[in-house]
Protein backbone atom coordinates (compact mmCIF):
# COMPACT_ATOMS: atom_id res chain seq x y z
CA UNK A 1 19.25 -17.11 -26.07
CA UNK A 2 18.72 -13.43 -26.76
CA UNK A 3 21.70 -12.55 -24.55
CA UNK A 4 23.87 -14.67 -26.85
CA UNK A 5 22.32 -13.75 -30.21
CA UNK A 6 22.19 -9.97 -29.67
CA UNK A 7 25.91 -9.51 -28.77
CA UNK A 8 26.83 -11.63 -31.78
CA UNK A 9 24.82 -9.37 -34.10
CA UNK A 10 26.30 -6.26 -32.46
CA UNK A 11 29.86 -7.55 -32.91
CA UNK A 12 29.21 -8.39 -36.56
CA UNK A 13 27.67 -4.97 -37.26
CA UNK A 14 30.51 -3.20 -35.45
CA UNK A 15 33.05 -5.19 -37.50
CA UNK A 16 31.29 -4.20 -40.74
CA UNK A 17 31.17 -0.52 -39.76
CA UNK A 18 34.82 -0.54 -38.73
CA UNK A 19 35.79 -2.30 -41.96
CA UNK A 20 34.06 0.51 -43.86
CA UNK A 21 35.17 3.31 -41.56
CA UNK A 22 38.93 2.72 -41.58
CA UNK A 23 39.34 2.83 -45.38
CA UNK A 24 37.02 5.84 -45.51
CA UNK A 25 39.12 7.67 -42.89
CA UNK A 26 42.36 6.88 -44.72
CA UNK A 27 40.83 7.97 -48.04
CA UNK A 28 39.62 11.24 -46.51
CA UNK A 29 43.07 12.02 -45.09
CA UNK A 30 44.71 11.26 -48.46
CA UNK A 31 42.21 13.45 -50.32
CA UNK A 32 42.73 16.40 -47.96
CA UNK A 33 46.52 16.13 -48.28
CA UNK A 34 46.29 15.78 -52.05
CA UNK A 35 44.37 19.05 -52.25
CA UNK A 36 47.11 20.80 -50.28
CA UNK A 37 49.87 19.24 -52.42
CA UNK A 38 48.14 20.38 -55.62
CA UNK A 39 47.93 23.93 -54.26
CA UNK A 40 51.62 23.87 -53.33
CA UNK A 41 52.54 22.58 -56.79
CA UNK A 42 50.59 25.43 -58.39
CA UNK A 43 52.44 27.89 -56.18
CA UNK A 44 55.86 26.40 -56.96
CA UNK A 45 55.03 26.42 -60.69
CA UNK A 46 54.16 30.12 -60.46
CA UNK A 47 57.39 30.89 -58.59
CA UNK A 48 59.36 28.83 -61.12
CA UNK A 49 57.90 30.88 -63.97
CA UNK A 50 59.01 34.09 -62.23
CA UNK A 51 62.47 32.62 -61.56
CA UNK A 52 62.95 31.97 -65.29
CA UNK A 53 63.08 35.72 -65.92
CA UNK A 54 65.85 36.03 -63.32
CA UNK A 55 68.03 33.47 -65.14
CA UNK A 56 67.36 34.54 -68.75
CA UNK A 57 70.67 36.46 -69.00
CA UNK A 58 69.11 39.80 -69.92
CA UNK A 59 69.19 43.08 -68.12
CA UNK A 60 67.24 44.04 -65.03
CA UNK A 61 68.05 40.72 -63.29
CA UNK A 62 68.51 42.41 -59.93
CA UNK A 63 65.15 44.11 -60.20
CA UNK A 64 63.42 40.84 -61.07
CA UNK A 65 65.21 39.05 -58.25
CA UNK A 66 64.05 41.71 -55.79
CA UNK A 67 60.50 41.33 -57.09
CA UNK A 68 60.74 37.54 -56.62
CA UNK A 69 62.05 38.02 -53.08
CA UNK A 70 59.14 40.36 -52.29
CA UNK A 71 56.70 37.77 -53.65
CA UNK A 72 58.22 34.99 -51.54
CA UNK A 73 58.28 37.24 -48.44
CA UNK A 74 54.61 38.17 -48.89
CA UNK A 75 53.78 34.49 -49.40
CA UNK A 76 55.57 33.60 -46.17
CA UNK A 77 53.95 36.40 -44.17
CA UNK A 78 50.42 35.49 -45.32
CA UNK A 79 50.56 31.70 -45.28
CA UNK A 80 53.53 30.98 -43.02
CA UNK A 81 55.22 28.85 -45.68
CA UNK A 82 58.97 28.77 -46.11
CA UNK A 83 59.88 29.09 -49.79
CA UNK A 84 63.16 29.34 -51.65
CA UNK A 85 64.63 29.28 -55.15
CA UNK A 86 68.03 27.62 -55.31
CA UNK A 87 70.48 27.18 -58.20
CA UNK A 88 71.78 23.73 -59.00
CA UNK A 89 74.82 24.52 -56.89
CA UNK A 90 72.40 25.29 -54.00
CA UNK A 91 73.29 28.96 -54.16
CA UNK A 92 70.30 31.01 -53.09
CA UNK A 93 68.46 32.99 -55.74
CA UNK A 94 65.64 34.12 -53.43
CA UNK A 95 64.08 32.88 -50.24
CA UNK A 96 61.81 33.76 -47.35
CA UNK A 97 62.67 33.84 -44.54
CA UNK A 98 66.29 34.78 -45.01
CA UNK A 99 67.56 32.15 -42.57
CA UNK A 100 65.90 29.17 -44.26
CA UNK A 101 67.83 26.81 -46.49
CA UNK A 102 67.67 23.34 -47.95
CA UNK A 103 68.06 20.77 -45.17
CA UNK A 104 70.93 18.35 -45.39
CA UNK A 105 68.61 15.33 -45.22
CA UNK A 106 64.98 14.39 -45.02
CA UNK A 107 62.07 15.21 -47.30
CA UNK A 108 63.45 18.63 -48.27
CA UNK A 109 66.70 17.16 -49.59
CA UNK A 110 64.86 14.35 -51.41
CA UNK A 111 62.45 16.78 -53.08
CA UNK A 112 65.34 19.04 -54.18
CA UNK A 113 67.22 16.13 -55.79
CA UNK A 114 64.11 14.91 -57.62
CA UNK A 115 63.45 18.38 -58.99
CA UNK A 116 67.04 18.56 -60.30
CA UNK A 117 66.14 15.62 -62.56
CA UNK A 118 63.59 17.78 -64.35
CA UNK A 119 60.39 16.59 -62.70
CA UNK A 120 58.37 17.70 -59.73
CA UNK A 121 58.96 15.90 -56.48
CA UNK A 122 56.90 12.88 -55.48
CA UNK A 123 53.97 13.29 -53.12
CA UNK A 124 55.19 13.65 -49.54
CA UNK A 125 54.33 10.96 -46.93
CA UNK A 126 50.83 11.03 -45.47
CA UNK A 127 50.39 13.42 -42.57
CA UNK A 128 48.19 12.23 -39.69
CA UNK A 129 46.41 14.39 -37.07
CA UNK A 130 48.68 13.24 -34.25
CA UNK A 131 51.91 14.31 -36.05
CA UNK A 132 52.17 17.81 -34.60
CA UNK A 133 55.59 18.66 -36.12
CA UNK A 134 54.95 17.27 -39.60
CA UNK A 135 55.46 19.51 -42.67
CA UNK A 136 54.81 19.19 -46.39
CA UNK A 137 57.79 19.77 -48.73
CA UNK A 138 57.15 20.20 -52.48
CA UNK A 139 59.74 21.10 -55.15
CA UNK A 140 59.47 22.08 -58.83
CA UNK A 141 62.30 22.64 -61.33
CA UNK A 142 63.07 25.97 -63.06
CA UNK A 143 63.71 25.05 -66.70
CA UNK A 144 65.35 27.31 -69.26
CA UNK A 145 66.05 26.08 -72.80
CA UNK A 146 65.47 22.48 -71.71
CA UNK A 147 67.91 22.57 -68.79
CA UNK A 148 67.16 22.69 -65.07
CA UNK A 149 68.87 25.81 -63.83
CA UNK A 150 67.22 26.12 -60.41
CA UNK A 151 64.66 24.52 -58.08
CA UNK A 152 61.73 26.06 -56.20
CA UNK A 153 61.13 24.44 -52.78
CA UNK A 154 58.16 25.11 -50.50
CA UNK A 155 57.98 23.90 -46.89
CA UNK A 156 54.40 24.14 -45.56
CA UNK A 157 53.04 23.78 -42.01
CA UNK A 158 50.31 21.14 -41.58
CA UNK A 159 48.23 22.51 -38.72
CA UNK A 160 45.18 23.36 -40.84
CA UNK A 161 45.51 20.13 -42.81
CA UNK A 162 45.56 18.04 -39.65
CA UNK A 163 42.58 19.98 -38.29
CA UNK A 164 40.56 19.31 -41.44
CA UNK A 165 41.45 15.62 -41.36
CA UNK A 166 40.47 15.39 -37.68
CA UNK A 167 37.17 17.19 -38.36
CA UNK A 168 36.42 14.77 -41.21
CA UNK A 169 37.21 11.83 -38.97
CA UNK A 170 34.86 13.18 -36.31
CA UNK A 171 32.10 13.36 -38.92
CA UNK A 172 32.83 9.73 -39.84
CA UNK A 173 32.74 8.70 -36.16
CA UNK A 174 29.42 10.49 -35.61
CA UNK A 175 27.99 8.94 -38.77
CA UNK A 176 29.13 5.45 -37.82
CA UNK A 177 27.85 5.92 -34.25
CA UNK A 178 24.44 6.90 -35.61
CA UNK A 179 24.54 3.93 -37.98
CA UNK A 180 25.49 1.68 -35.05
CA UNK A 181 22.54 2.94 -33.00
CA UNK A 182 20.18 2.35 -35.90
CA UNK A 183 21.68 -1.10 -36.43
CA UNK A 184 21.38 -1.82 -32.70
CA UNK A 185 17.69 -0.90 -32.75
CA UNK A 186 17.20 -3.08 -35.82
CA UNK A 187 19.04 -5.95 -34.11
CA UNK A 188 16.85 -5.67 -31.02
CA UNK A 189 13.71 -5.72 -33.16
CA UNK A 190 15.06 -8.58 -35.26
CA UNK A 191 16.01 -10.74 -32.28
CA UNK A 192 12.66 -10.00 -30.67
CA UNK A 193 10.85 -11.01 -33.85
CA UNK A 194 12.90 -14.19 -34.20
CA UNK A 195 12.81 -15.24 -30.53
CA UNK A 196 9.21 -14.32 -29.67
CA UNK A 197 7.86 -17.61 -31.08
CA UNK A 198 10.62 -19.45 -29.21
CA UNK A 199 9.52 -17.88 -25.91
CA UNK A 200 5.89 -18.74 -26.63
CA UNK A 201 6.92 -22.29 -27.51
CA UNK A 202 8.97 -22.54 -24.31
CA UNK A 203 6.01 -21.37 -22.21
CA UNK A 204 3.67 -23.85 -23.90
CA UNK A 205 6.19 -26.66 -23.36
CA UNK A 206 6.45 -25.75 -19.68
CA UNK A 207 2.66 -25.75 -19.38
CA UNK A 208 2.41 -29.21 -20.90
CA UNK A 209 5.27 -30.46 -18.73
CA UNK A 210 3.39 -29.27 -15.63
CA UNK A 211 0.16 -30.96 -16.67
CA UNK A 212 -1.75 -28.27 -18.60
CA UNK A 213 -2.20 -30.39 -21.70
CA UNK A 214 -4.52 -27.91 -23.44
CA UNK A 215 -1.69 -25.39 -24.03
CA UNK A 216 -1.03 -24.64 -27.69
CA UNK A 217 1.09 -22.23 -29.76
CA UNK A 218 -0.31 -19.70 -32.22
CA UNK A 219 1.76 -20.23 -35.38
CA UNK A 220 1.42 -16.68 -36.72
CA UNK A 221 4.71 -14.89 -36.02
CA UNK A 222 8.42 -15.22 -36.56
CA UNK A 223 10.39 -16.83 -39.39
CA UNK A 224 8.75 -19.55 -41.52
CA UNK A 225 10.89 -22.24 -39.89
CA UNK A 226 9.61 -21.33 -36.43
CA UNK A 227 6.02 -21.20 -37.68
CA UNK A 228 6.42 -24.71 -39.02
CA UNK A 229 7.95 -25.75 -35.69
CA UNK A 230 4.92 -24.27 -33.88
CA UNK A 231 2.52 -26.24 -36.07
CA UNK A 232 4.53 -29.41 -35.51
CA UNK A 233 4.50 -28.74 -31.77
CA UNK A 234 0.72 -28.35 -31.78
CA UNK A 235 0.35 -31.63 -33.68
CA UNK A 236 2.64 -33.36 -31.19
CA UNK A 237 0.71 -31.89 -28.24
CA UNK A 238 -2.58 -33.06 -29.77
CA UNK A 239 -1.23 -36.58 -30.19
CA UNK A 240 0.23 -36.65 -26.66
CA UNK A 241 -3.02 -35.37 -25.19
CA UNK A 242 -4.99 -37.96 -27.15
CA UNK A 243 -2.72 -40.77 -25.95
CA UNK A 244 -2.90 -39.58 -22.34
CA UNK A 245 -6.66 -39.24 -22.61
CA UNK A 246 -6.90 -42.82 -23.85
CA UNK A 247 -4.67 -43.92 -20.98
CA UNK A 248 -6.80 -42.07 -18.43
CA UNK A 249 -9.97 -43.45 -19.94
CA UNK A 250 -8.56 -46.98 -19.83
CA UNK A 251 -7.46 -46.63 -16.19
CA UNK A 252 -10.81 -45.16 -15.16
CA UNK A 253 -12.82 -47.77 -17.09
CA UNK A 254 -10.68 -50.63 -15.85
CA UNK A 255 -10.89 -49.44 -12.25
CA UNK A 256 -14.63 -48.97 -12.50
CA UNK A 257 -15.25 -52.32 -14.22
CA UNK A 258 -13.08 -54.22 -11.73
CA UNK A 259 -14.78 -52.80 -8.65
CA UNK A 260 -18.01 -54.78 -9.09
CA UNK A 261 -16.35 -58.21 -9.55
CA UNK A 262 -14.02 -57.41 -6.67
CA UNK A 263 -16.92 -56.40 -4.43
CA UNK A 264 -18.67 -59.69 -5.29
CA UNK A 265 -15.44 -61.60 -4.58
CA UNK A 266 -15.05 -59.91 -1.19
CA UNK A 267 -18.68 -60.75 -0.34
CA UNK A 268 -18.10 -64.41 -1.16
CA UNK A 269 -14.96 -64.36 0.97
CA UNK A 270 -16.99 -63.03 3.89
CA UNK A 271 -19.63 -65.77 3.35
CA UNK A 272 -16.88 -68.37 3.15
CA UNK A 273 -15.38 -67.05 6.38
CA UNK A 274 -18.69 -67.83 8.14
CA UNK A 275 -18.25 -71.53 7.31
CA UNK A 276 -14.69 -71.71 8.65
CA UNK A 277 -13.38 -71.62 12.19
CA UNK A 278 -12.98 -68.21 13.83
CA UNK A 279 -9.52 -66.63 13.29
CA UNK A 280 -8.55 -68.59 10.20
CA UNK A 281 -5.28 -66.99 9.01
CA UNK A 282 -5.75 -67.77 5.31
CA UNK A 283 -9.16 -66.12 5.20
CA UNK A 284 -7.81 -63.10 7.09
CA UNK A 285 -4.92 -62.79 4.63
CA UNK A 286 -7.24 -63.08 1.63
CA UNK A 287 -9.60 -60.51 3.14
CA UNK A 288 -6.69 -58.09 3.74
CA UNK A 289 -5.34 -58.46 0.20
CA UNK A 290 -8.83 -58.03 -1.23
CA UNK A 291 -9.35 -54.80 0.69
CA UNK A 292 -5.91 -53.59 -0.41
CA UNK A 293 -6.81 -54.32 -4.03
CA UNK A 294 -10.06 -52.40 -3.60
CA UNK A 295 -8.10 -49.42 -2.21
CA UNK A 296 -5.72 -49.53 -5.17
CA UNK A 297 -8.65 -49.52 -7.61
CA UNK A 298 -10.22 -46.57 -5.78
CA UNK A 299 -6.93 -44.68 -5.89
CA UNK A 300 -6.49 -45.45 -9.60
CA UNK A 301 -9.94 -44.08 -10.30
CA UNK A 302 -9.21 -40.98 -8.20
CA UNK A 303 -5.92 -40.47 -10.10
CA UNK A 304 -7.63 -40.76 -13.48
CA UNK A 305 -10.30 -38.29 -12.39
CA UNK A 306 -7.67 -35.89 -10.96
CA UNK A 307 -5.72 -35.89 -14.23
CA UNK A 308 -8.85 -35.39 -16.31
CA UNK A 309 -10.98 -33.01 -14.26
CA UNK A 310 -10.74 -29.24 -14.83
CA UNK A 311 -10.00 -26.94 -11.91
CA UNK A 312 -12.40 -24.44 -10.41
CA UNK A 313 -9.92 -21.63 -9.77
CA UNK A 314 -10.93 -18.91 -7.35
CA UNK A 315 -9.36 -16.55 -4.83
CA UNK A 316 -8.88 -18.75 -1.76
CA UNK A 317 -7.87 -18.01 1.84
CA UNK A 318 -5.07 -20.56 2.05
CA UNK A 319 -4.40 -19.83 5.73
CA UNK A 320 -7.99 -20.60 6.69
CA UNK A 321 -8.04 -23.73 4.50
CA UNK A 322 -4.85 -25.05 6.14
CA UNK A 323 -6.23 -24.36 9.62
CA UNK A 324 -9.40 -26.27 8.71
CA UNK A 325 -7.55 -29.33 7.40
CA UNK A 326 -5.16 -29.38 10.36
CA UNK A 327 -8.15 -29.29 12.73
CA UNK A 328 -9.73 -32.19 10.83
CA UNK A 329 -6.58 -34.33 11.16
CA UNK A 330 -5.72 -33.38 14.74
CA UNK A 331 -7.94 -36.07 16.26
CA UNK A 332 -6.11 -38.83 14.38
CA UNK A 333 -2.76 -37.27 15.26
CA UNK A 334 -3.70 -37.14 18.95
CA UNK A 335 -4.62 -40.82 18.85
CA UNK A 336 -1.12 -41.59 17.56
CA UNK A 337 0.50 -39.27 20.09
CA UNK A 338 1.72 -36.89 17.34
CA UNK A 339 1.53 -33.13 17.85
CA UNK A 340 -0.02 -31.47 14.78
CA UNK A 341 -0.06 -27.69 14.54
CA UNK A 342 -0.47 -24.95 11.92
CA UNK A 343 1.68 -21.82 11.66
CA UNK A 344 0.95 -18.72 9.59
CA UNK A 345 -1.70 -16.08 9.14
CA UNK A 346 -4.02 -14.95 6.37
CA UNK A 347 -2.54 -15.84 2.98
CA UNK A 348 -4.51 -15.87 -0.26
CA UNK A 349 -3.93 -17.59 -3.60
CA UNK A 350 -5.70 -18.39 -6.85
CA UNK A 351 -6.39 -22.12 -6.69
CA UNK A 352 -9.06 -24.79 -6.57
CA UNK A 353 -9.93 -25.09 -2.86
CA UNK A 354 -11.25 -28.66 -3.23
CA UNK A 355 -8.12 -29.81 -5.06
CA UNK A 356 -5.86 -28.06 -2.53
CA UNK A 357 -7.81 -29.64 0.34
CA UNK A 358 -7.37 -33.10 -1.16
CA UNK A 359 -3.66 -32.48 -1.66
CA UNK A 360 -3.28 -31.30 1.94
CA UNK A 361 -5.14 -34.36 3.20
CA UNK A 362 -2.78 -36.70 1.32
CA UNK A 363 0.37 -34.96 2.54
CA UNK A 364 -0.78 -34.54 6.16
CA UNK A 365 -1.91 -38.19 6.18
CA UNK A 366 1.57 -39.30 5.13
CA UNK A 367 3.25 -36.99 7.66
CA UNK A 368 1.15 -38.25 10.57
CA UNK A 369 1.48 -41.86 9.37
CA UNK A 370 5.29 -41.84 9.37
CA UNK A 371 5.91 -39.58 12.41
CA UNK A 372 6.61 -41.56 15.61
CA UNK A 373 4.79 -40.97 18.86
CA UNK A 374 5.92 -37.89 20.77
CA UNK A 375 7.15 -36.04 17.68
CA UNK A 376 5.51 -33.08 15.93
CA UNK A 377 4.20 -32.27 12.44
CA UNK A 378 4.06 -28.58 11.51
CA UNK A 379 2.15 -27.03 8.64
CA UNK A 380 3.36 -23.51 7.77
CA UNK A 381 1.81 -20.99 5.38
CA UNK A 382 3.62 -18.01 3.83
CA UNK A 383 3.53 -15.69 0.81
CA UNK A 384 6.55 -15.02 -1.37
CA UNK A 385 6.11 -12.66 -4.32
CA UNK A 386 3.73 -14.20 -6.85
CA UNK A 387 3.31 -17.53 -5.02
CA UNK A 388 1.97 -18.83 -1.73
CA UNK A 389 3.63 -21.82 -0.13
CA UNK A 390 2.49 -24.46 2.34
CA UNK A 391 5.35 -26.32 4.02
CA UNK A 392 4.69 -29.58 5.90
CA UNK A 393 7.55 -30.74 8.12
CA UNK A 394 7.46 -34.10 9.87
CA UNK A 395 9.91 -35.83 12.20
CA UNK A 396 9.68 -39.26 10.65
CA UNK A 397 12.52 -41.37 9.27
CA UNK A 398 12.63 -39.30 6.08
CA UNK A 399 13.99 -40.43 2.72
CA UNK A 400 17.41 -40.89 1.20
CA UNK A 401 18.63 -38.70 -1.68
CA UNK A 402 17.84 -41.45 -4.17
CA UNK A 403 14.35 -41.91 -2.70
CA UNK A 404 13.69 -38.16 -2.90
CA UNK A 405 14.14 -38.41 -6.66
CA UNK A 406 11.44 -41.06 -6.93
CA UNK A 407 8.90 -39.95 -4.35
CA UNK A 408 5.60 -39.15 -6.04
CA UNK A 409 6.01 -41.75 -8.79
CA UNK A 410 3.02 -44.01 -9.30
CA UNK A 411 3.00 -47.15 -7.13
CA UNK A 412 6.43 -46.30 -5.74
CA UNK A 413 7.01 -46.92 -2.05
CA UNK A 414 10.21 -47.00 -0.07
CA UNK A 415 11.52 -50.49 0.67
CA UNK A 416 11.73 -49.48 4.34
CA UNK A 417 7.98 -48.72 4.50
CA UNK A 418 6.43 -51.65 2.67
CA UNK A 419 4.63 -52.72 5.83
CA UNK A 420 2.84 -49.37 6.13
CA UNK A 421 -0.68 -49.28 4.76
CA UNK A 422 -1.00 -47.51 1.36
CA UNK A 423 -1.14 -47.97 -2.41
CA UNK A 424 1.70 -45.67 -3.50
CA UNK A 425 -0.69 -43.42 -5.44
CA UNK A 426 -1.55 -40.76 -2.87
CA UNK A 427 1.29 -38.35 -3.74
CA UNK A 428 0.75 -38.95 -7.47
CA UNK A 429 -2.85 -37.86 -7.03
CA UNK A 430 -1.65 -34.82 -5.06
CA UNK A 431 0.74 -33.80 -7.84
CA UNK A 432 -2.01 -34.16 -10.47
CA UNK A 433 -4.46 -32.09 -8.41
CA UNK A 434 -1.93 -29.29 -7.85
CA UNK A 435 -0.77 -29.26 -11.48
CA UNK A 436 -4.35 -28.90 -12.70
CA UNK A 437 -4.68 -25.83 -10.45
CA UNK A 438 -1.36 -24.28 -11.57
CA UNK A 439 0.56 -25.39 -8.47
CA UNK A 440 3.41 -27.77 -7.73
CA UNK A 441 4.83 -30.03 -5.03
CA UNK A 442 8.45 -30.49 -3.97
CA UNK A 443 10.25 -32.72 -1.47
CA UNK A 444 13.36 -32.16 0.63
CA UNK A 445 15.08 -33.28 3.82
CA UNK A 446 13.82 -31.81 7.08
CA UNK A 447 16.41 -31.01 9.72
CA UNK A 448 17.44 -32.78 11.90
CA UNK A 449 15.45 -35.66 10.37
CA UNK A 450 12.21 -36.21 8.55
CA UNK A 451 10.65 -35.01 5.31
CA UNK A 452 9.73 -31.50 4.18
CA UNK A 453 6.97 -31.22 1.58
CA UNK A 454 6.34 -27.84 -0.08
CA UNK A 455 3.08 -27.08 -1.88
CA UNK A 456 3.22 -24.00 -4.13
CA UNK A 457 0.17 -22.22 -5.56
CA UNK A 458 0.04 -18.95 -7.56
CA UNK A 459 -1.15 -15.69 -6.01
CA UNK A 460 -1.94 -14.06 -9.38
CA UNK A 461 -5.06 -14.87 -11.40
CA UNK A 462 -4.61 -17.19 -14.38
CA UNK A 463 -4.28 -15.86 -17.92
CA UNK A 464 -6.40 -16.78 -20.94
CA UNK A 465 -9.75 -18.55 -20.87
CA UNK A 466 -9.13 -19.82 -17.33
CA UNK A 467 -8.96 -16.21 -16.15
CA UNK A 468 -12.40 -15.39 -17.59
CA UNK A 469 -13.92 -18.46 -15.98
CA UNK A 470 -12.27 -17.66 -12.64
CA UNK A 471 -13.51 -14.07 -12.81
CA UNK A 472 -17.09 -15.22 -13.44
CA UNK A 473 -16.90 -17.58 -10.49
């Protein structure tokens, strides 16, 4: 979620900064050019005042014209600006350099014509840093006795103007980059603050989904809406745990209360069998069903206890535990003609050794039960990062894809194996035992045929109160 929320915030902040930066850059360029245009207008006004004395019709006109030419020449030499004073007929009064004249078209011609109307020329078009050959042309009229008698035209290079605009833009870019970095840091902190409760809630949901019903969320951080969601989640978890506890208690009580009447019923069946002929099929069938019912009740009680009991987590040598359980089941496997062997060395994990032993017994029992004579069952142990895995491969008939999705459900048994002894609760008990110890169980096809069962247990110590209890043990 953070990978989607953070880019969205970054794009929005970048759009805001660009929306502010472009107008600011345009405004800066216009302001810099306006300053230059104002300076050029002041210069043309000064030259126009001097040109009035040349056209006043009195003596010493040549001397004043020479002085104006010297002024324009000095202005050109110092600032590199081409300047000229032209009569209405475009005859030159004075200019610098000597070869420069009013262009036939373009901004120079437009400015000259506007000045002939008795007003200064309009502001020239905006000059941008990438326009290397651009120039600024400004014109002012020379007025004597209310009539325009001449026009002063200045043609300025724009190198310094473009440099100042570019420097100002660089300052804007640096400022917006710094603002973007600050905004990025704020966005990272904001998304972390908003999503931290979501991550905690996700972890607590995963814990409850895997059987750790005591997981709760501390509703102390994040936005108010997420804090309310955390409190609602805790209330829901409390209700779910209470309902499951009632269900477990009912199953355990029912199983326990039914065992005594069932035991008495089985005893009476045995006494009744003494009064009937030897080998009576009805009595044998009733006895078999009674024993099956007793096994189901025992398994139900074991399942209720497995889902309710807390785990005694400790650092366990999984390799040694697997070797011990394989040795315990090898005698039964040999009687069936099934080869049972363990692969793997010393592998450790944080788990409940009793719960893991019970889970191994259930899985190995199933593997040996469904593997035909002459085939093999292998139990492998390995470590992978933060988990240790135990893989049991058999060479039995295996399960279909649809059956793999249901294996481990309570009372579920494959239609092809209904004649095999069992209650359909063994793998459910295994899953409950592993979940209580922080582990899991998974099922898959075994090549070329059979079933592969993978038990996974953590190699790292548990966090929270379980860790303190495990450390003390």
